[in-house]
Every structure is written in C-alpha cells, then in structure tokens.
Amino acid sequence: MNDLEKGYCEKCDELVEFYTKEKEEFFVVGNKRYSYSAIVPYCIQCNEEVTVDSIVDENIRRLDEAYREEK
C-alpha cells in the first residue's frame, strides 16, 4: 500500500488506512461465466470493505484480462 493512499469507509464515514486480501470473483457475459482474482481492501478500524480508486482500476484490468483470455 502506498503510504499516502487511503480508502473511503462507508461505516466509519472517513478516509482510512486499509489492508487487502485476494478473493475469487465471478462475472457473467451472455451465457458464459468468468472468474478472476480480485483485490479487496478492508478498513483497519472496522474491517468493512472500503473503496480505493486504484484498486477498483486494477480489478477492472484483471476482469478485462480474464475475459480476453477465455474469449
């Protein structure tokens, strides 16, 4: 994690430091199901998921890569 980067926690209603875990996510296009390894950030104060723009961008890149590999 970049020392300057923080995520927004809805529960705490503030920008917070976070930790991450990888989690298998699924999405469906048409009748085909795809999976990818998503990065999920969690608030260090309350352990709820937080929103981090750079991680959202990375997960979109991973999703796109999974789709293109199996297409």
PDB file of N, CA and C in Angstrom:
ATOM      1  N   MET A   1       0.844  -1.182   0.000  1.00  0.00           N
ATOM      2  CA  MET A   1       0.000   0.000   0.000  1.00  0.00           C
ATOM      3  C   MET A   1       0.883   1.238   0.000  1.00  0.00           C
ATOM      4  N   ASN A   2       0.535   2.172  -0.811  1.00  0.00           N
ATOM      5  CA  ASN A   2       1.203   3.470  -0.832  1.00  0.00           C
ATOM      6  C   ASN A   2       0.881   4.170   0.485  1.00  0.00           C
ATOM      7  N   ASP A   3       1.876   4.729   1.159  1.00  0.00           N
ATOM      8  CA  ASP A   3       1.657   5.387   2.450  1.00  0.00           C
ATOM      9  C   ASP A   3       0.645   6.524   2.361  1.00  0.00           C
ATOM     10  N   LEU A   4       0.556   7.172   1.201  1.00  0.00           N
ATOM     11  CA  LEU A   4      -0.363   8.297   1.052  1.00  0.00           C
ATOM     12  C   LEU A   4      -1.762   7.862   0.654  1.00  0.00           C
ATOM     13  N   GLU A   5      -1.911   6.628   0.189  1.00  0.00           N
ATOM     14  CA  GLU A   5      -3.200   6.166  -0.295  1.00  0.00           C
ATOM     15  C   GLU A   5      -4.080   5.692   0.854  1.00  0.00           C
ATOM     16  N   LYS A   6      -5.305   6.158   0.851  1.00  0.00           N
ATOM     17  CA  LYS A   6      -6.291   5.721   1.830  1.00  0.00           C
ATOM     18  C   LYS A   6      -7.567   5.371   1.079  1.00  0.00           C
ATOM     19  N   GLY A   7      -8.435   4.652   1.735  1.00  0.00           N
ATOM     20  CA  GLY A   7      -9.703   4.265   1.127  1.00  0.00           C
ATOM     21  C   GLY A   7     -10.847   4.873   1.899  1.00  0.00           C
ATOM     22  N   TYR A   8     -11.988   4.996   1.213  1.00  0.00           N
ATOM     23  CA  TYR A   8     -13.162   5.547   1.890  1.00  0.00           C
ATOM     24  C   TYR A   8     -13.969   4.408   2.501  1.00  0.00           C
ATOM     25  N   CYS A   9     -14.205   4.509   3.805  1.00  0.00           N
ATOM     26  CA  CYS A   9     -15.014   3.528   4.533  1.00  0.00           C
ATOM     27  C   CYS A   9     -16.387   4.134   4.796  1.00  0.00           C
ATOM     28  N   GLU A  10     -17.432   3.492   4.264  1.00  0.00           N
ATOM     29  CA  GLU A  10     -18.791   3.996   4.476  1.00  0.00           C
ATOM     30  C   GLU A  10     -19.200   3.891   5.939  1.00  0.00           C
ATOM     31  N   LYS A  11     -18.796   2.830   6.607  1.00  0.00           N
ATOM     32  CA  LYS A  11     -19.178   2.651   8.010  1.00  0.00           C
ATOM     33  C   LYS A  11     -18.542   3.712   8.906  1.00  0.00           C
ATOM     34  N   CYS A  12     -17.246   3.969   8.707  1.00  0.00           N
ATOM     35  CA  CYS A  12     -16.541   4.972   9.509  1.00  0.00           C
ATOM     36  C   CYS A  12     -16.781   6.388   8.982  1.00  0.00           C
ATOM     37  N   ASP A  13     -17.256   6.496   7.745  1.00  0.00           N
ATOM     38  CA  ASP A  13     -17.525   7.764   7.065  1.00  0.00           C
ATOM     39  C   ASP A  13     -16.291   8.663   7.032  1.00  0.00           C
ATOM     40  N   GLU A  14     -15.169   8.050   6.644  1.00  0.00           N
ATOM     41  CA  GLU A  14     -13.927   8.814   6.525  1.00  0.00           C
ATOM     42  C   GLU A  14     -12.919   8.045   5.686  1.00  0.00           C
ATOM     43  N   LEU A  15     -11.852   8.734   5.304  1.00  0.00           N
ATOM     44  CA  LEU A  15     -10.737   8.085   4.623  1.00  0.00           C
ATOM     45  C   LEU A  15      -9.914   7.359   5.669  1.00  0.00           C
ATOM     46  N   VAL A  16      -9.610   6.096   5.387  1.00  0.00           N
ATOM     47  CA  VAL A  16      -8.932   5.257   6.374  1.00  0.00           C
ATOM     48  C   VAL A  16      -7.783   4.481   5.730  1.00  0.00           C
ATOM     49  N   GLU A  17      -6.870   4.015   6.557  1.00  0.00           N
ATOM     50  CA  GLU A  17      -5.867   3.075   6.098  1.00  0.00           C
ATOM     51  C   GLU A  17      -6.559   1.731   5.915  1.00  0.00           C
ATOM     52  N   PHE A  18      -5.968   0.887   5.088  1.00  0.00           N
ATOM     53  CA  PHE A  18      -6.620  -0.382   4.778  1.00  0.00           C
ATOM     54  C   PHE A  18      -5.602  -1.491   4.570  1.00  0.00           C
ATOM     55  N   TYR A  19      -6.102  -2.726   4.624  1.00  0.00           N
ATOM     56  CA  TYR A  19      -5.312  -3.897   4.266  1.00  0.00           C
ATOM     57  C   TYR A  19      -6.055  -4.606   3.145  1.00  0.00           C
ATOM     58  N   THR A  20      -5.389  -5.485   2.431  1.00  0.00           N
ATOM     59  CA  THR A  20      -6.037  -6.141   1.297  1.00  0.00           C
ATOM     60  C   THR A  20      -5.953  -7.661   1.404  1.00  0.00           C
ATOM     61  N   LYS A  21      -6.919  -8.295   0.751  1.00  0.00           N
ATOM     62  CA  LYS A  21      -6.935  -9.751   0.578  1.00  0.00           C
ATOM     63  C   LYS A  21      -7.315 -10.008  -0.879  1.00  0.00           C
ATOM     64  N   GLU A  22      -6.902 -11.150  -1.393  1.00  0.00           N
ATOM     65  CA  GLU A  22      -7.318 -11.544  -2.741  1.00  0.00           C
ATOM     66  C   GLU A  22      -8.511 -12.478  -2.599  1.00  0.00           C
ATOM     67  N   LYS A  23      -9.466 -12.337  -3.525  1.00  0.00           N
ATOM     68  CA  LYS A  23     -10.692 -13.124  -3.463  1.00  0.00           C
ATOM     69  C   LYS A  23     -11.117 -13.453  -4.888  1.00  0.00           C
ATOM     70  N   GLU A  24     -11.551 -14.686  -5.122  1.00  0.00           N
ATOM     71  CA  GLU A  24     -12.026 -15.064  -6.447  1.00  0.00           C
ATOM     72  C   GLU A  24     -13.412 -14.464  -6.671  1.00  0.00           C
ATOM     73  N   GLU A  25     -13.541 -13.698  -7.737  1.00  0.00           N
ATOM     74  CA  GLU A  25     -14.808 -13.062  -8.104  1.00  0.00           C
ATOM     75  C   GLU A  25     -15.273 -13.658  -9.428  1.00  0.00           C
ATOM     76  N   PHE A  26     -16.563 -13.590  -9.672  1.00  0.00           N
ATOM     77  CA  PHE A  26     -17.158 -14.125 -10.889  1.00  0.00           C
ATOM     78  C   PHE A  26     -17.997 -13.060 -11.579  1.00  0.00           C
ATOM     79  N   PHE A  27     -18.086 -13.138 -12.905  1.00  0.00           N
ATOM     80  CA  PHE A  27     -18.978 -12.284 -13.670  1.00  0.00           C
ATOM     81  C   PHE A  27     -19.481 -13.072 -14.868  1.00  0.00           C
ATOM     82  N   VAL A  28     -20.648 -12.695 -15.372  1.00  0.00           N
ATOM     83  CA  VAL A  28     -21.276 -13.411 -16.471  1.00  0.00           C
ATOM     84  C   VAL A  28     -21.456 -12.470 -17.652  1.00  0.00           C
ATOM     85  N   VAL A  29     -21.069 -12.963 -18.830  1.00  0.00           N
ATOM     86  CA  VAL A  29     -21.300 -12.251 -20.083  1.00  0.00           C
ATOM     87  C   VAL A  29     -22.039 -13.231 -20.978  1.00  0.00           C
ATOM     88  N   GLY A  30     -23.268 -12.864 -21.346  1.00  0.00           N
ATOM     89  CA  GLY A  30     -24.093 -13.800 -22.116  1.00  0.00           C
ATOM     90  C   GLY A  30     -24.385 -15.014 -21.259  1.00  0.00           C
ATOM     91  N   ASN A  31     -24.018 -16.182 -21.764  1.00  0.00           N
ATOM     92  CA  ASN A  31     -24.226 -17.426 -21.008  1.00  0.00           C
ATOM     93  C   ASN A  31     -22.929 -17.976 -20.431  1.00  0.00           C
ATOM     94  N   LYS A  32     -21.856 -17.202 -20.506  1.00  0.00           N
ATOM     95  CA  LYS A  32     -20.553 -17.688 -20.045  1.00  0.00           C
ATOM     96  C   LYS A  32     -20.144 -17.012 -18.736  1.00  0.00           C
ATOM     97  N   ARG A  33     -19.647 -17.823 -17.821  1.00  0.00           N
ATOM     98  CA  ARG A  33     -19.197 -17.342 -16.514  1.00  0.00           C
ATOM     99  C   ARG A  33     -17.670 -17.252 -16.505  1.00  0.00           C
ATOM    100  N   TYR A  34     -17.148 -16.126 -16.024  1.00  0.00           N
ATOM    101  CA  TYR A  34     -15.712 -15.889 -15.955  1.00  0.00           C
ATOM    102  C   TYR A  34     -15.325 -15.661 -14.495  1.00  0.00           C
ATOM    103  N   SER A  35     -14.070 -15.975 -14.176  1.00  0.00           N
ATOM    104  CA  SER A  35     -13.578 -15.709 -12.817  1.00  0.00           C
ATOM    105  C   SER A  35     -12.244 -14.981 -12.905  1.00  0.00           C
ATOM    106  N   TYR A  36     -11.939 -14.239 -11.866  1.00  0.00           N
ATOM    107  CA  TYR A  36     -10.661 -13.544 -11.768  1.00  0.00           C
ATOM    108  C   TYR A  36     -10.340 -13.321 -10.298  1.00  0.00           C
ATOM    109  N   SER A  37      -9.083 -13.079 -10.019  1.00  0.00           N
ATOM    110  CA  SER A  37      -8.629 -12.838  -8.656  1.00  0.00           C
ATOM    111  C   SER A  37      -8.696 -11.330  -8.381  1.00  0.00           C
ATOM    112  N   ALA A  38      -9.629 -10.936  -7.554  1.00  0.00           N
ATOM    113  CA  ALA A  38      -9.828  -9.520  -7.234  1.00  0.00           C
ATOM    114  C   ALA A  38      -9.080  -9.148  -5.955  1.00  0.00           C
ATOM    115  N   ILE A  39      -8.648  -7.912  -5.901  1.00  0.00           N
ATOM    116  CA  ILE A  39      -8.048  -7.366  -4.683  1.00  0.00           C
ATOM    117  C   ILE A  39      -9.183  -6.690  -3.913  1.00  0.00           C
ATOM    118  N   VAL A  40      -9.348  -7.059  -2.647  1.00  0.00           N
ATOM    119  CA  VAL A  40     -10.429  -6.485  -1.839  1.00  0.00           C
ATOM    120  C   VAL A  40      -9.805  -5.747  -0.654  1.00  0.00           C
ATOM    121  N   PRO A  41     -10.014  -4.425  -0.579  1.00  0.00           N
ATOM    122  CA  PRO A  41      -9.462  -3.647   0.534  1.00  0.00           C
ATOM    123  C   PRO A  41     -10.431  -3.597   1.728  1.00  0.00           C
ATOM    124  N   TYR A  42      -9.869  -3.679   2.932  1.00  0.00           N
ATOM    125  CA  TYR A  42     -10.670  -3.650   4.159  1.00  0.00           C
ATOM    126  C   TYR A  42     -10.145  -2.565   5.105  1.00  0.00           C
ATOM    127  N   CYS A  43     -11.048  -1.899   5.766  1.00  0.00           N
ATOM    128  CA  CYS A  43     -10.733  -0.861   6.744  1.00  0.00           C
ATOM    129  C   CYS A  43      -9.986  -1.475   7.937  1.00  0.00           C
ATOM    130  N   ILE A  44      -8.899  -0.843   8.361  1.00  0.00           N
ATOM    131  CA  ILE A  44      -8.162  -1.376   9.513  1.00  0.00           C
ATOM    132  C   ILE A  44      -8.879  -1.062  10.831  1.00  0.00           C
ATOM    133  N   GLN A  45      -9.860  -0.151  10.796  1.00  0.00           N
ATOM    134  CA  GLN A  45     -10.571   0.200  12.021  1.00  0.00           C
ATOM    135  C   GLN A  45     -11.774  -0.711  12.282  1.00  0.00           C
ATOM    136  N   CYS A  46     -12.560  -1.000  11.213  1.00  0.00           N
ATOM    137  CA  CYS A  46     -13.803  -1.757  11.428  1.00  0.00           C
ATOM    138  C   CYS A  46     -13.887  -3.051  10.612  1.00  0.00           C
ATOM    139  N   ASN A  47     -12.905  -3.286   9.735  1.00  0.00           N
ATOM    140  CA  ASN A  47     -12.829  -4.496   8.902  1.00  0.00           C
ATOM    141  C   ASN A  47     -13.899  -4.599   7.815  1.00  0.00           C
ATOM    142  N   GLU A  48     -14.583  -3.509   7.512  1.00  0.00           N
ATOM    143  CA  GLU A  48     -15.533  -3.491   6.397  1.00  0.00           C
ATOM    144  C   GLU A  48     -14.774  -3.188   5.104  1.00  0.00           C
ATOM    145  N   GLU A  49     -15.364  -3.592   3.963  1.00  0.00           N
ATOM    146  CA  GLU A  49     -14.742  -3.257   2.682  1.00  0.00           C
ATOM    147  C   GLU A  49     -14.746  -1.744   2.487  1.00  0.00           C
ATOM    148  N   VAL A  50     -13.688  -1.250   1.868  1.00  0.00           N
ATOM    149  CA  VAL A  50     -13.567   0.178   1.578  1.00  0.00           C
ATOM    150  C   VAL A  50     -13.400   0.374   0.078  1.00  0.00           C
ATOM    151  N   THR A  51     -13.582   1.599  -0.380  1.00  0.00           N
ATOM    152  CA  THR A  51     -13.410   1.942  -1.791  1.00  0.00           C
ATOM    153  C   THR A  51     -12.064   2.623  -1.979  1.00  0.00           C
ATOM    154  N   VAL A  52     -11.263   2.064  -2.881  1.00  0.00           N
ATOM    155  CA  VAL A  52      -9.945   2.624  -3.195  1.00  0.00           C
ATOM    156  C   VAL A  52      -9.866   2.691  -4.724  1.00  0.00           C
ATOM    157  N   ASP A  53      -9.808   3.898  -5.262  1.00  0.00           N
ATOM    158  CA  ASP A  53      -9.860   4.075  -6.709  1.00  0.00           C
ATOM    159  C   ASP A  53      -8.816   3.250  -7.460  1.00  0.00           C
ATOM    160  N   SER A  54      -7.592   3.232  -6.989  1.00  0.00           N
ATOM    161  CA  SER A  54      -6.543   2.500  -7.710  1.00  0.00           C
ATOM    162  C   SER A  54      -6.806   0.992  -7.709  1.00  0.00           C
ATOM    163  N   ILE A  55      -7.431   0.485  -6.655  1.00  0.00           N
ATOM    164  CA  ILE A  55      -7.748  -0.944  -6.596  1.00  0.00           C
ATOM    165  C   ILE A  55      -8.938  -1.251  -7.487  1.00  0.00           C
ATOM    166  N   VAL A  56      -9.913  -0.363  -7.542  1.00  0.00           N
ATOM    167  CA  VAL A  56     -11.030  -0.534  -8.475  1.00  0.00           C
ATOM    168  C   VAL A  56     -10.484  -0.624  -9.900  1.00  0.00           C
ATOM    169  N   ASP A  57      -9.573   0.276 -10.248  1.00  0.00           N
ATOM    170  CA  ASP A  57      -8.965   0.271 -11.588  1.00  0.00           C
ATOM    171  C   ASP A  57      -8.229  -1.042 -11.855  1.00  0.00           C
ATOM    172  N   GLU A  58      -7.470  -1.520 -10.893  1.00  0.00           N
ATOM    173  CA  GLU A  58      -6.725  -2.772 -11.060  1.00  0.00           C
ATOM    174  C   GLU A  58      -7.680  -3.955 -11.223  1.00  0.00           C
ATOM    175  N   ASN A  59      -8.768  -3.981 -10.459  1.00  0.00           N
ATOM    176  CA  ASN A  59      -9.728  -5.077 -10.582  1.00  0.00           C
ATOM    177  C   ASN A  59     -10.413  -5.061 -11.939  1.00  0.00           C
ATOM    178  N   ILE A  60     -10.693  -3.890 -12.481  1.00  0.00           N
ATOM    179  CA  ILE A  60     -11.267  -3.798 -13.827  1.00  0.00           C
ATOM    180  C   ILE A  60     -10.270  -4.339 -14.851  1.00  0.00           C
ATOM    181  N   ARG A  61      -8.999  -4.018 -14.684  1.00  0.00           N
ATOM    182  CA  ARG A  61      -7.968  -4.539 -15.587  1.00  0.00           C
ATOM    183  C   ARG A  61      -7.912  -6.071 -15.512  1.00  0.00           C
ATOM    184  N   ARG A  62      -7.978  -6.613 -14.312  1.00  0.00           N
ATOM    185  CA  ARG A  62      -7.947  -8.067 -14.140  1.00  0.00           C
ATOM    186  C   ARG A  62      -9.179  -8.736 -14.751  1.00  0.00           C
ATOM    187  N   LEU A  63     -10.333  -8.122 -14.550  1.00  0.00           N
ATOM    188  CA  LEU A  63     -11.571  -8.645 -15.114  1.00  0.00           C
ATOM    189  C   LEU A  63     -11.474  -8.669 -16.639  1.00  0.00           C
ATOM    190  N   ASP A  64     -11.000  -7.583 -17.221  1.00  0.00           N
ATOM    191  CA  ASP A  64     -10.853  -7.489 -18.666  1.00  0.00           C
ATOM    192  C   ASP A  64      -9.869  -8.536 -19.179  1.00  0.00           C
ATOM    193  N   GLU A  65      -8.783  -8.733 -18.467  1.00  0.00           N
ATOM    194  CA  GLU A  65      -7.785  -9.731 -18.859  1.00  0.00           C
ATOM    195  C   GLU A  65      -8.378 -11.138 -18.833  1.00  0.00           C
ATOM    196  N   ALA A  66      -9.151 -11.453 -17.795  1.00  0.00           N
ATOM    197  CA  ALA A  66      -9.786 -12.770 -17.694  1.00  0.00           C
ATOM    198  C   ALA A  66     -10.760 -12.987 -18.853  1.00  0.00           C
ATOM    199  N   TYR A  67     -11.500 -11.959 -19.194  1.00  0.00           N
ATOM    200  CA  TYR A  67     -12.455 -12.048 -20.297  1.00  0.00           C
ATOM    201  C   TYR A  67     -11.731 -12.289 -21.625  1.00  0.00           C
ATOM    202  N   ARG A  68     -10.677 -11.540 -21.871  1.00  0.00           N
ATOM    203  CA  ARG A  68      -9.936 -11.656 -23.140  1.00  0.00           C
ATOM    204  C   ARG A  68      -9.207 -13.003 -23.255  1.00  0.00           C
ATOM    205  N   GLU A  69      -8.720 -13.531 -22.143  1.00  0.00           N
ATOM    206  CA  GLU A  69      -8.014 -14.817 -22.180  1.00  0.00           C
ATOM    207  C   GLU A  69      -8.947 -15.968 -22.538  1.00  0.00           C
ATOM    208  N   GLU A  70     -10.191 -15.921 -22.089  1.00  0.00           N
ATOM    209  CA  GLU A  70     -11.121 -17.025 -22.310  1.00  0.00           C
ATOM    210  C   GLU A  70     -12.040 -16.791 -23.513  1.00  0.00           C
ATOM    211  N   LYS A  71     -11.954 -15.663 -24.123  1.00  0.00           N
ATOM    212  CA  LYS A  71     -12.839 -15.316 -25.235  1.00  0.00           C
ATOM    213  C   LYS A  71     -12.531 -16.143 -26.454  1.00  0.00           C
TER     214      LYS A  71
END
